[in-house]
Amino acid sequence: MVFILVDDLGLMDLGFTGSEYYETPNIDRLAKSGMVFTQGYAASRVCSPSRASIMTGKFTARHGITDWIGAKSGVDWRTTNRHDKLLPAEYVHRLPENDVTLAEAMKNAGYKTFFSGKWHLGNEGSYPEDHGFDINKGGWDKGSPIGGYFSPWENPKLENRVIGENLSMRLAKETVSFIEESKAESFFAFLSFYAVHGPIQTTQTKWAKYRDKAEKSGISETGYKMETVLPIRQVQDNPIYAGLVEQMDDAVGLVLDALDEQGIADETIVIFTSDNGGVASGDSFSTSNLPLRGGKGYQWEGGIREPYFIKVPWLKNNGSESDFPVTGTDFYPTLLDLIGIDLLPQQHIDGISLKPILEGKPMEISRPLFWHYPHYGNQGGEPSSIIQENGWKLIHYWEDGRDELYKLESDIGEQNNIVGEHHEMAEQLRGKLLGWLNEVGANRPSKDMEHDSTLAQQRHEKIVNETWPNLEEARMNMLAKDFSPNEDWWGSQITKD
């Protein structure tokens, strides 16, 4: 098994899903060789909670990691000078030791286990090797590529070998080495890219390719509009991000080619997904998720709907699709089921096996999906919880108790809040959502008694009058013919050992 997890990759960031700007031939061929779940979801709008759900088979409110580990909560939130109405809920800061992780289940079944890349599920004592992985290359407490995407990086779990080496390619090479050494055994390799998380970086050659591509397509005069809290990107024309995406795709190709070269592609399950939506606001303002609304950190589809591909070669479902709603918790029971390991229903309690769908059978189970994010995101999202069931999606906001209701089949962009027209449905879904949150003991935000609405308004005006224009200027600057971030393009042009 090879599980490929990309950080912050949006559903619309692939050629296969319709991007006319980014080029992802290797991921596209992977999608066409297996089953694509068109309603694939991450378990959270940000990274750590989503990753914990993959590892445990539990929704975020149940395992307790509801924000990215390191985010401020409670009264500490005031130090961010956001002047928000609520104090974000407290949350668990490491993967619980009493959970049997997916890796531990594989190891217990005799599989050799390997991890490469981003972990972000706790500090020392809660690293990949502490949760079932025999080998760890690059996984530690940090959630971004400290030191950048070109060696020398700062990662105690991944030594620097060649100055200027690309991080995504290095992680892929480590994975390939493991595959070559383990091809005669049953193995579970988890390749967890730091890409395409900010700070976004690429080579001058890839930047130039996508800069020229943007110009040929016609550069829009504006690239953003104002969302509720922050400006949000409306166009895919960021040549730095495009180069970062392509480099990650090159790395995926390296791994897929290795499976072919070692003669084990026909007996290897390959998973591909992302941990949350593309970054359209905040962080590096990297991409646009349109027609999906929002992006990483947001409560709308752009924040949680993901690429979700499963290749099981012997089932021969090449290029098939399923519109059954699935999420990150489903990988755990699905993988166990596919290889005949006894399921652990008390562990992966919020996941279901997708094996029947992969075998071409109808899925007889209908279940609601839940998301719980009692926090303010760096990207502009609001504290809220979500239930999605039978095509209906209800978002409950914790600041004022309001709801939004969408029928996704006819409103994928979530532009028409129909809560007033379908009051009974909203009440039913809200009751089910709040009841479930109570059942699992979900933490909730609290009112900030020191909230200052005047300071909040001043902050908003600064975002509109300063941040927004600065973003537009930065966008045009990186599309200029003479753009250069620094002398060596983030270290990519340094080649000395």
Protein backbone atom coordinates (compact mmCIF):
# COMPACT_ATOMS: atom_id res chain seq x y z
CA MET A 1 0.00 0.00 0.00
CA VAL A 2 1.08 3.53 -0.81
CA PHE A 3 -0.90 6.36 0.77
CA ILE A 4 -0.18 9.78 -0.76
CA LEU A 5 -1.37 12.78 1.24
CA VAL A 6 -0.82 16.28 -0.13
CA ASP A 7 -0.95 19.30 2.17
CA ASP A 8 -3.39 22.11 1.28
CA LEU A 9 -4.16 20.82 -2.22
CA GLY A 10 -7.53 22.04 -3.48
CA LEU A 11 -9.94 19.88 -5.44
CA MET A 12 -9.63 22.21 -8.43
CA ASP A 13 -5.80 22.22 -8.40
CA LEU A 14 -5.50 19.25 -10.76
CA GLY A 15 -5.75 18.92 -14.50
CA PHE A 16 -8.00 15.91 -13.94
CA THR A 17 -10.53 17.99 -12.01
CA GLY A 18 -10.59 20.81 -14.52
CA SER A 19 -7.70 23.18 -13.91
CA GLU A 20 -6.52 24.74 -17.15
CA TYR A 21 -3.51 26.33 -15.45
CA TYR A 22 -1.83 23.75 -13.21
CA GLU A 23 -0.29 20.68 -14.86
CA THR A 24 -0.49 17.38 -12.97
CA PRO A 25 -0.03 14.54 -15.48
CA ASN A 26 1.11 11.96 -12.93
CA ILE A 27 -1.76 12.53 -10.51
CA ASP A 28 -4.14 12.58 -13.47
CA ARG A 29 -2.97 9.15 -14.63
CA LEU A 30 -3.33 7.81 -11.11
CA ALA A 31 -6.92 9.05 -10.98
CA LYS A 32 -7.67 7.37 -14.30
CA SER A 33 -6.23 4.05 -13.08
CA GLY A 34 -8.52 3.70 -10.07
CA MET A 35 -11.80 4.97 -8.64
CA VAL A 36 -12.51 8.66 -8.18
CA PHE A 37 -14.86 9.65 -5.38
CA THR A 38 -16.43 12.86 -6.63
CA GLN A 39 -17.80 13.70 -3.19
CA GLY A 40 -14.59 13.08 -1.31
CA TYR A 41 -14.10 15.12 1.85
CA ALA A 42 -11.36 15.85 4.35
CA ALA A 43 -12.44 15.46 7.96
CA SER A 44 -11.52 19.07 8.68
CA ARG A 45 -10.88 22.39 7.00
CA VAL A 46 -7.32 22.48 8.45
CA CYS A 47 -4.49 19.98 8.66
CA SER A 48 -3.91 18.40 12.09
CA PRO A 49 -7.56 17.44 12.73
CA SER A 50 -7.89 15.96 9.26
CA ARG A 51 -4.69 13.94 9.63
CA ALA A 52 -5.76 12.66 13.03
CA SER A 53 -9.02 11.44 11.51
CA ILE A 54 -7.15 9.49 8.83
CA MET A 55 -5.00 7.87 11.50
CA THR A 56 -7.82 7.09 13.95
CA GLY A 57 -10.97 6.65 11.85
CA LYS A 58 -12.74 9.17 14.09
CA PHE A 59 -14.36 12.53 13.39
CA THR A 60 -12.53 15.51 14.87
CA ALA A 61 -15.02 16.25 17.67
CA ARG A 62 -14.57 12.69 18.89
CA HIS A 63 -10.74 12.53 18.96
CA GLY A 64 -10.50 16.12 20.18
CA ILE A 65 -7.89 17.56 17.80
CA THR A 66 -10.14 20.24 16.34
CA ASP A 67 -7.54 22.82 15.23
CA TRP A 68 -4.05 22.71 13.78
CA ILE A 69 -1.69 21.89 16.62
CA GLY A 70 -0.07 25.10 17.81
CA ALA A 71 -3.04 27.38 17.19
CA LYS A 72 -3.94 29.62 20.13
CA SER A 73 -7.14 28.95 22.04
CA GLY A 74 -9.04 30.34 25.02
CA VAL A 75 -7.78 33.65 26.44
CA ASP A 76 -4.50 33.21 24.55
CA TRP A 77 -6.45 34.05 21.39
CA ARG A 78 -6.48 37.69 22.48
CA THR A 79 -2.73 37.91 21.82
CA THR A 80 -3.47 37.61 18.08
CA ASN A 81 -5.17 41.05 18.16
CA ARG A 82 -8.05 39.74 16.09
CA HIS A 83 -10.70 41.25 18.42
CA ASP A 84 -13.17 38.43 17.68
CA LYS A 85 -16.42 37.84 19.54
CA LEU A 86 -15.52 34.37 20.80
CA LEU A 87 -12.62 32.68 22.53
CA PRO A 88 -11.82 29.54 20.53
CA ALA A 89 -12.36 26.20 22.26
CA GLU A 90 -9.52 24.25 23.83
CA TYR A 91 -8.38 21.18 21.91
CA VAL A 92 -6.14 18.11 22.18
CA HIS A 93 -2.52 18.81 21.18
CA ARG A 94 -1.25 15.34 20.25
CA LEU A 95 -2.54 12.12 18.78
CA PRO A 96 -4.09 10.20 21.71
CA GLU A 97 -1.92 7.28 22.83
CA ASN A 98 -4.90 5.01 23.51
CA ASP A 99 -5.97 5.04 19.86
CA VAL A 100 -4.86 2.19 17.62
CA THR A 101 -3.70 4.10 14.58
CA LEU A 102 -4.02 2.91 11.00
CA ALA A 103 -0.26 2.33 10.98
CA GLU A 104 -0.44 0.27 14.18
CA ALA A 105 -3.22 -1.85 12.71
CA MET A 106 -1.07 -2.49 9.64
CA LYS A 107 1.97 -3.27 11.73
CA ASN A 108 -0.02 -5.67 13.91
CA ALA A 109 -1.07 -7.45 10.72
CA GLY A 110 2.54 -7.99 9.70
CA TYR A 111 3.01 -5.02 7.42
CA LYS A 112 6.27 -3.10 7.34
CA THR A 113 5.36 0.55 7.92
CA PHE A 114 7.02 3.71 6.58
CA PHE A 115 6.33 7.42 6.93
CA SER A 116 7.81 10.26 4.90
CA GLY A 117 7.01 13.97 5.20
CA LYS A 118 4.65 16.10 7.26
CA TRP A 119 3.27 14.73 10.53
CA HIS A 120 2.03 17.66 12.70
CA LEU A 121 0.26 15.40 15.20
CA GLY A 122 2.21 16.20 18.33
CA ASN A 123 5.67 17.04 19.60
CA GLU A 124 8.45 14.64 20.61
CA GLY A 125 6.93 11.49 22.04
CA SER A 126 4.07 11.69 19.55
CA TYR A 127 5.95 11.32 16.28
CA PRO A 128 5.24 8.72 13.56
CA GLU A 129 7.54 6.18 15.20
CA ASP A 130 5.47 6.51 18.38
CA HIS A 131 2.25 5.60 16.55
CA GLY A 132 3.08 2.53 14.51
CA PHE A 133 5.58 3.54 11.84
CA ASP A 134 8.81 1.53 11.69
CA ILE A 135 10.60 4.25 9.72
CA ASN A 136 10.15 8.02 9.84
CA LYS A 137 11.72 10.34 7.29
CA GLY A 138 10.84 13.95 7.95
CA GLY A 139 7.87 13.72 10.31
CA TRP A 140 7.97 15.95 13.39
CA ASP A 141 5.87 18.58 15.14
CA LYS A 142 6.13 21.32 12.52
CA GLY A 143 3.38 21.75 9.94
CA SER A 144 5.28 23.74 7.33
CA PRO A 145 8.64 23.23 5.57
CA ILE A 146 10.94 25.02 8.02
CA GLY A 147 13.83 26.35 5.97
CA GLY A 148 11.89 26.10 2.73
CA TYR A 149 11.49 23.66 -0.13
CA PHE A 150 15.17 23.56 -1.08
CA SER A 151 17.99 22.18 1.03
CA PRO A 152 19.27 23.15 3.52
CA TRP A 153 15.98 22.77 5.39
CA GLU A 154 15.60 22.63 9.15
CA ASN A 155 14.20 19.20 9.98
CA PRO A 156 15.79 16.93 12.62
CA LYS A 157 14.13 13.92 11.00
CA LEU A 158 15.45 14.55 7.47
CA GLU A 159 19.15 15.25 7.06
CA ASN A 160 20.44 17.59 4.38
CA ARG A 161 22.43 15.78 1.71
CA VAL A 162 22.62 17.94 -1.40
CA ILE A 163 22.33 21.72 -1.16
CA GLY A 164 19.50 22.91 -3.40
CA GLU A 165 17.70 19.54 -3.36
CA ASN A 166 13.93 19.83 -3.64
CA LEU A 167 12.00 18.68 -0.57
CA SER A 168 9.12 16.99 -2.43
CA MET A 169 11.52 15.02 -4.60
CA ARG A 170 13.59 14.04 -1.58
CA LEU A 171 10.53 12.67 0.24
CA ALA A 172 9.57 10.75 -2.89
CA LYS A 173 13.10 9.34 -3.20
CA GLU A 174 12.99 8.17 0.42
CA THR A 175 9.68 6.47 -0.35
CA VAL A 176 11.11 4.86 -3.48
CA SER A 177 14.10 3.54 -1.52
CA PHE A 178 11.73 1.97 1.00
CA ILE A 179 9.66 0.39 -1.80
CA GLU A 180 12.77 -1.06 -3.42
CA GLU A 181 13.98 -2.51 -0.11
CA SER A 182 10.54 -3.88 0.85
CA LYS A 183 9.11 -5.11 -2.45
CA ALA A 184 9.23 -8.74 -1.35
CA GLU A 185 7.26 -7.96 1.83
CA SER A 186 3.84 -6.55 2.65
CA PHE A 187 4.34 -2.86 3.27
CA PHE A 188 2.40 0.30 4.12
CA ALA A 189 4.12 3.46 2.88
CA PHE A 190 2.66 6.83 3.83
CA LEU A 191 4.02 9.71 1.72
CA SER A 192 2.84 12.94 3.31
CA PHE A 193 4.08 15.93 1.32
CA TYR A 194 4.81 19.28 2.95
CA ALA A 195 3.80 20.70 -0.43
CA VAL A 196 1.76 22.61 -1.30
CA HIS A 197 1.73 24.40 2.06
CA GLY A 198 3.20 27.87 2.32
CA PRO A 199 5.67 29.45 2.13
CA ILE A 200 5.21 28.68 -1.56
CA GLN A 201 8.46 28.38 -3.53
CA THR A 202 9.56 27.07 -6.90
CA THR A 203 12.43 27.21 -9.37
CA GLN A 204 12.96 30.06 -11.81
CA THR A 205 12.34 27.67 -14.71
CA LYS A 206 8.96 26.53 -13.44
CA TRP A 207 7.97 30.07 -12.48
CA ALA A 208 8.81 31.28 -16.01
CA LYS A 209 6.77 28.47 -17.58
CA TYR A 210 3.65 29.38 -15.64
CA ARG A 211 4.21 33.10 -15.81
CA ASP A 212 4.21 32.83 -19.62
CA LYS A 213 1.20 30.54 -19.52
CA ALA A 214 -0.75 33.10 -17.50
CA GLU A 215 0.15 35.85 -19.95
CA LYS A 216 -0.94 33.78 -22.95
CA SER A 217 -4.30 33.14 -21.28
CA GLY A 218 -4.74 36.81 -20.48
CA ILE A 219 -3.91 38.26 -17.08
CA SER A 220 -6.98 39.57 -15.26
CA GLU A 221 -6.72 43.10 -13.90
CA THR A 222 -7.88 41.90 -10.49
CA GLY A 223 -7.35 38.61 -8.72
CA TYR A 224 -9.34 38.95 -5.50
CA LYS A 225 -12.70 39.82 -4.04
CA MET A 226 -13.62 40.50 -0.44
CA GLU A 227 -15.04 37.53 1.48
CA THR A 228 -16.52 37.99 4.97
CA VAL A 229 -13.19 38.41 6.76
CA LEU A 230 -10.36 38.40 4.22
CA PRO A 231 -9.86 38.91 0.48
CA ILE A 232 -10.09 35.64 -1.42
CA ARG A 233 -8.36 34.66 -4.66
CA GLN A 234 -10.60 34.36 -7.72
CA VAL A 235 -8.19 33.20 -10.42
CA GLN A 236 -5.62 30.46 -10.86
CA ASP A 237 -2.66 32.43 -12.16
CA ASN A 238 -0.05 32.18 -9.39
CA PRO A 239 3.11 30.97 -11.19
CA ILE A 240 4.97 30.23 -7.95
CA TYR A 241 2.19 28.00 -6.66
CA ALA A 242 1.80 26.36 -10.08
CA GLY A 243 5.49 25.45 -10.05
CA LEU A 244 5.15 24.04 -6.53
CA VAL A 245 2.19 21.92 -7.62
CA GLU A 246 4.08 20.61 -10.65
CA GLN A 247 7.12 19.72 -8.55
CA MET A 248 4.90 17.74 -6.20
CA ASP A 249 3.34 16.00 -9.21
CA ASP A 250 6.84 15.15 -10.49
CA ALA A 251 7.49 13.52 -7.12
CA VAL A 252 4.27 11.50 -7.33
CA GLY A 253 5.40 10.32 -10.75
CA LEU A 254 8.69 9.12 -9.27
CA VAL A 255 6.82 6.87 -6.84
CA LEU A 256 4.34 5.54 -9.41
CA ASP A 257 7.20 4.76 -11.80
CA ALA A 258 9.03 2.91 -9.03
CA LEU A 259 6.04 0.61 -8.51
CA ASP A 260 6.12 -0.20 -12.22
CA GLU A 261 9.89 -0.67 -12.31
CA GLN A 262 9.83 -3.01 -9.30
CA GLY A 263 7.06 -5.06 -10.89
CA ILE A 264 4.59 -4.58 -8.04
CA ALA A 265 2.18 -1.97 -9.43
CA ASP A 266 -0.46 -4.64 -10.05
CA GLU A 267 -0.44 -5.72 -6.41
CA THR A 268 -0.18 -2.32 -4.71
CA ILE A 269 -3.12 -0.27 -3.47
CA VAL A 270 -2.55 3.47 -3.97
CA ILE A 271 -4.48 6.19 -2.17
CA PHE A 272 -4.37 9.88 -3.09
CA THR A 273 -6.02 12.73 -1.21
CA SER A 274 -5.49 16.10 0.53
CA ASP A 275 -5.95 17.18 4.12
CA ASN A 276 -8.01 20.32 3.42
CA GLY A 277 -8.92 22.73 0.67
CA GLY A 278 -6.62 24.95 -1.34
CA VAL A 279 -5.37 28.16 0.27
CA ALA A 280 -7.43 30.95 -1.29
CA SER A 281 -7.26 33.33 1.70
CA GLY A 282 -4.65 33.82 4.37
CA ASP A 283 -1.27 32.08 4.46
CA SER A 284 0.09 32.49 0.92
CA PHE A 285 -3.23 33.26 -0.84
CA SER A 286 -2.14 30.59 -3.30
CA THR A 287 -5.05 29.39 -5.43
CA SER A 288 -8.70 29.66 -6.37
CA ASN A 289 -11.12 26.84 -5.60
CA LEU A 290 -13.95 28.13 -7.79
CA PRO A 291 -16.63 27.06 -8.46
CA LEU A 292 -16.37 25.88 -4.85
CA ARG A 293 -16.76 28.64 -2.30
CA GLY A 294 -13.99 29.38 0.20
CA GLY A 295 -10.86 27.34 0.73
CA LYS A 296 -8.61 26.11 3.51
CA GLY A 297 -10.00 27.19 6.88
CA TYR A 298 -13.48 27.88 5.50
CA GLN A 299 -16.72 26.11 6.31
CA TRP A 300 -17.81 25.91 2.67
CA GLU A 301 -17.01 23.19 0.13
CA GLY A 302 -13.74 24.82 -0.94
CA GLY A 303 -12.41 24.11 2.54
CA ILE A 304 -13.31 20.45 2.84
CA ARG A 305 -13.99 18.83 -0.55
CA GLU A 306 -10.86 17.09 -1.84
CA PRO A 307 -9.30 14.92 -4.51
CA TYR A 308 -10.05 11.38 -3.31
CA PHE A 309 -8.73 8.51 -5.44
CA ILE A 310 -8.33 4.82 -4.59
CA LYS A 311 -6.55 2.43 -6.93
CA VAL A 312 -7.02 -1.27 -6.27
CA PRO A 313 -5.43 -2.88 -9.35
CA TRP A 314 -7.08 -6.29 -9.09
CA LEU A 315 -10.57 -4.77 -8.98
CA LYS A 316 -10.01 -3.27 -12.44
CA ASN A 317 -12.20 -0.20 -11.88
CA ASN A 318 -9.99 2.06 -13.97
CA GLY A 319 -11.50 5.49 -14.51
CA SER A 320 -14.69 4.74 -12.62
CA GLU A 321 -16.45 7.25 -10.41
CA SER A 322 -18.62 7.18 -7.32
CA ASP A 323 -20.74 10.05 -6.03
CA PHE A 324 -21.23 8.43 -2.62
CA PRO A 325 -20.10 10.97 0.03
CA VAL A 326 -16.87 9.77 1.66
CA THR A 327 -14.40 11.28 4.08
CA GLY A 328 -10.96 10.81 5.63
CA THR A 329 -12.26 8.50 8.35
CA ASP A 330 -13.21 5.91 5.71
CA PHE A 331 -9.66 5.07 4.64
CA TYR A 332 -8.94 3.10 7.85
CA PRO A 333 -11.71 0.47 7.58
CA THR A 334 -11.50 0.40 3.79
CA LEU A 335 -7.82 -0.55 3.74
CA LEU A 336 -8.25 -3.18 6.43
CA ASP A 337 -11.21 -4.65 4.58
CA LEU A 338 -9.41 -4.74 1.24
CA ILE A 339 -6.58 -6.88 2.58
CA GLY A 340 -8.67 -9.10 4.82
CA ILE A 341 -7.70 -7.71 8.22
CA ASP A 342 -10.42 -7.86 10.87
CA LEU A 343 -12.07 -4.48 11.25
CA LEU A 344 -11.80 -2.54 14.51
CA PRO A 345 -15.25 -0.91 14.69
CA GLN A 346 -14.69 0.55 18.17
CA GLN A 347 -11.61 2.33 16.81
CA HIS A 348 -12.62 3.57 13.35
CA ILE A 349 -16.08 4.31 14.70
CA ASP A 350 -16.83 7.15 12.28
CA GLY A 351 -15.52 5.44 9.17
CA ILE A 352 -17.09 2.87 6.87
CA SER A 353 -15.48 0.44 4.47
CA LEU A 354 -15.75 1.52 0.85
CA LYS A 355 -14.85 -1.95 -0.42
CA PRO A 356 -18.38 -2.62 -1.77
CA ILE A 357 -18.23 0.52 -3.91
CA LEU A 358 -14.75 -0.38 -5.15
CA GLU A 359 -16.12 -3.79 -6.13
CA GLY A 360 -18.92 -2.17 -8.11
CA LYS A 361 -21.65 -2.97 -5.61
CA PRO A 362 -24.25 -0.52 -4.29
CA MET A 363 -23.55 1.03 -0.90
CA GLU A 364 -26.50 0.24 1.33
CA ILE A 365 -25.33 2.41 4.23
CA SER A 366 -26.52 6.00 4.52
CA ARG A 367 -24.90 8.12 7.19
CA PRO A 368 -24.44 11.80 8.05
CA LEU A 369 -21.01 13.42 7.91
CA PHE A 370 -19.98 15.80 10.70
CA TRP A 371 -17.39 18.56 10.94
CA HIS A 372 -16.60 20.57 14.08
CA TYR A 373 -14.35 23.64 14.05
CA PRO A 374 -14.97 25.82 17.14
CA HIS A 375 -12.13 28.15 16.14
CA TYR A 376 -11.25 31.12 13.95
CA GLY A 377 -9.09 30.13 11.01
CA ASN A 378 -6.05 32.03 9.78
CA GLN A 379 -7.77 32.08 6.40
CA GLY A 380 -11.03 33.79 7.35
CA GLY A 381 -13.25 30.90 8.34
CA GLU A 382 -15.68 31.26 11.22
CA PRO A 383 -16.30 29.02 14.26
CA SER A 384 -18.93 26.60 13.06
CA SER A 385 -20.05 22.99 12.82
CA ILE A 386 -21.45 21.17 9.82
CA ILE A 387 -23.69 18.24 9.01
CA GLN A 388 -24.06 16.88 5.50
CA GLU A 389 -26.67 14.23 4.78
CA ASN A 390 -28.50 13.14 1.63
CA GLY A 391 -27.22 16.11 -0.32
CA TRP A 392 -28.26 18.67 2.30
CA LYS A 393 -25.59 20.68 4.10
CA LEU A 394 -26.26 22.71 7.21
CA ILE A 395 -23.66 25.03 8.75
CA HIS A 396 -24.26 26.16 12.34
CA TYR A 397 -22.34 29.26 13.41
CA TRP A 398 -21.22 29.63 17.01
CA GLU A 399 -20.95 33.43 17.13
CA ASP A 400 -24.67 34.07 16.82
CA GLY A 401 -26.35 30.67 16.41
CA ARG A 402 -27.42 31.30 12.81
CA ASP A 403 -27.61 28.54 10.22
CA GLU A 404 -26.96 28.22 6.52
CA LEU A 405 -28.62 25.47 4.50
CA TYR A 406 -27.60 24.38 1.03
CA LYS A 407 -28.73 21.74 -1.45
CA LEU A 408 -25.34 20.85 -2.89
CA GLU A 409 -26.57 19.09 -6.02
CA SER A 410 -28.03 22.32 -7.38
CA ASP A 411 -25.79 24.82 -5.55
CA ILE A 412 -22.23 23.54 -5.36
CA GLY A 413 -21.01 27.12 -4.93
CA GLU A 414 -23.20 27.63 -1.83
CA GLN A 415 -24.57 30.94 -3.04
CA ASN A 416 -28.22 30.41 -2.10
CA ASN A 417 -28.90 29.93 1.61
CA ILE A 418 -32.32 28.24 1.65
CA VAL A 419 -32.74 27.90 5.41
CA GLY A 420 -35.85 30.12 5.29
CA GLU A 421 -37.47 28.04 2.58
CA HIS A 422 -36.78 24.69 4.25
CA HIS A 423 -37.23 25.46 7.91
CA GLU A 424 -38.22 21.93 8.91
CA MET A 425 -35.21 20.38 7.21
CA ALA A 426 -32.93 22.92 8.90
CA GLU A 427 -34.41 22.14 12.30
CA GLN A 428 -34.03 18.42 11.73
CA LEU A 429 -30.40 18.69 10.67
CA ARG A 430 -29.52 21.19 13.41
CA GLY A 431 -31.02 18.88 16.03
CA LYS A 432 -29.05 15.92 14.72
CA LEU A 433 -25.84 17.96 14.59
CA LEU A 434 -26.12 19.40 18.09
CA GLY A 435 -27.23 16.07 19.50
CA TRP A 436 -24.17 14.35 18.04
CA LEU A 437 -21.84 17.05 19.38
CA ASN A 438 -23.34 16.57 22.83
CA GLU A 439 -22.99 12.81 22.53
CA VAL A 440 -19.25 12.95 21.82
CA GLY A 441 -18.58 15.74 24.35
CA ALA A 442 -17.39 18.28 21.81
CA ASN A 443 -15.69 21.40 23.14
CA ARG A 444 -17.29 24.71 22.20
CA PRO A 445 -16.06 28.28 22.03
CA SER A 446 -17.03 30.81 24.68
CA LYS A 447 -18.00 34.45 24.54
CA ASP A 448 -15.11 36.88 24.95
CA MET A 449 -16.25 39.35 27.59
CA GLU A 450 -13.46 41.72 26.54
CA HIS A 451 -14.53 41.88 22.91
CA ASP A 452 -14.21 45.39 21.50
CA SER A 453 -16.38 45.95 18.43
CA THR A 454 -14.65 49.25 17.63
CA LEU A 455 -11.23 47.60 17.42
CA ALA A 456 -12.74 44.78 15.36
CA GLN A 457 -14.16 47.28 12.88
CA GLN A 458 -10.84 49.08 12.64
CA ARG A 459 -9.12 45.80 11.85
CA HIS A 460 -11.68 45.04 9.15
CA GLU A 461 -11.21 48.45 7.55
CA LYS A 462 -7.45 47.95 7.50
CA ILE A 463 -7.89 44.63 5.72
CA VAL A 464 -10.15 46.21 3.09
CA ASN A 465 -8.08 49.36 2.60
CA GLU A 466 -4.54 48.02 2.97
CA THR A 467 -4.33 44.22 2.83
CA TRP A 468 -6.51 43.83 -0.24
CA PRO A 469 -4.65 46.40 -2.41
CA ASN A 470 -1.31 44.97 -1.25
CA LEU A 471 -2.37 41.51 -2.37
CA GLU A 472 -3.34 42.78 -5.80
CA GLU A 473 0.02 44.53 -6.10
CA ALA A 474 1.92 41.41 -5.01
CA ARG A 475 -0.01 39.30 -7.54
CA MET A 476 0.97 41.56 -10.43
CA ASN A 477 4.55 41.71 -9.18
CA MET A 478 4.99 37.92 -9.30
CA LEU A 479 3.58 37.94 -12.85
CA ALA A 480 6.03 40.63 -13.99
CA LYS A 481 8.77 39.55 -16.43
CA ASP A 482 11.52 40.81 -14.13
CA PHE A 483 10.21 39.15 -10.95
CA SER A 484 12.84 37.61 -8.72
CA PRO A 485 12.26 36.62 -5.07
CA ASN A 486 16.00 36.67 -4.27
CA GLU A 487 19.33 35.93 -5.94
CA ASP A 488 19.15 32.14 -5.79
CA TRP A 489 15.38 31.55 -6.05
CA TRP A 490 14.89 30.31 -2.49
CA GLY A 491 18.06 28.25 -2.68
CA SER A 492 17.03 26.21 -5.70
CA GLN A 493 20.03 27.46 -7.70
CA ILE A 494 22.65 26.49 -5.12
CA THR A 495 24.09 23.12 -6.09
CA LYS A 496 27.26 22.73 -3.99
CA ASP A 497 27.37 19.83 -1.50
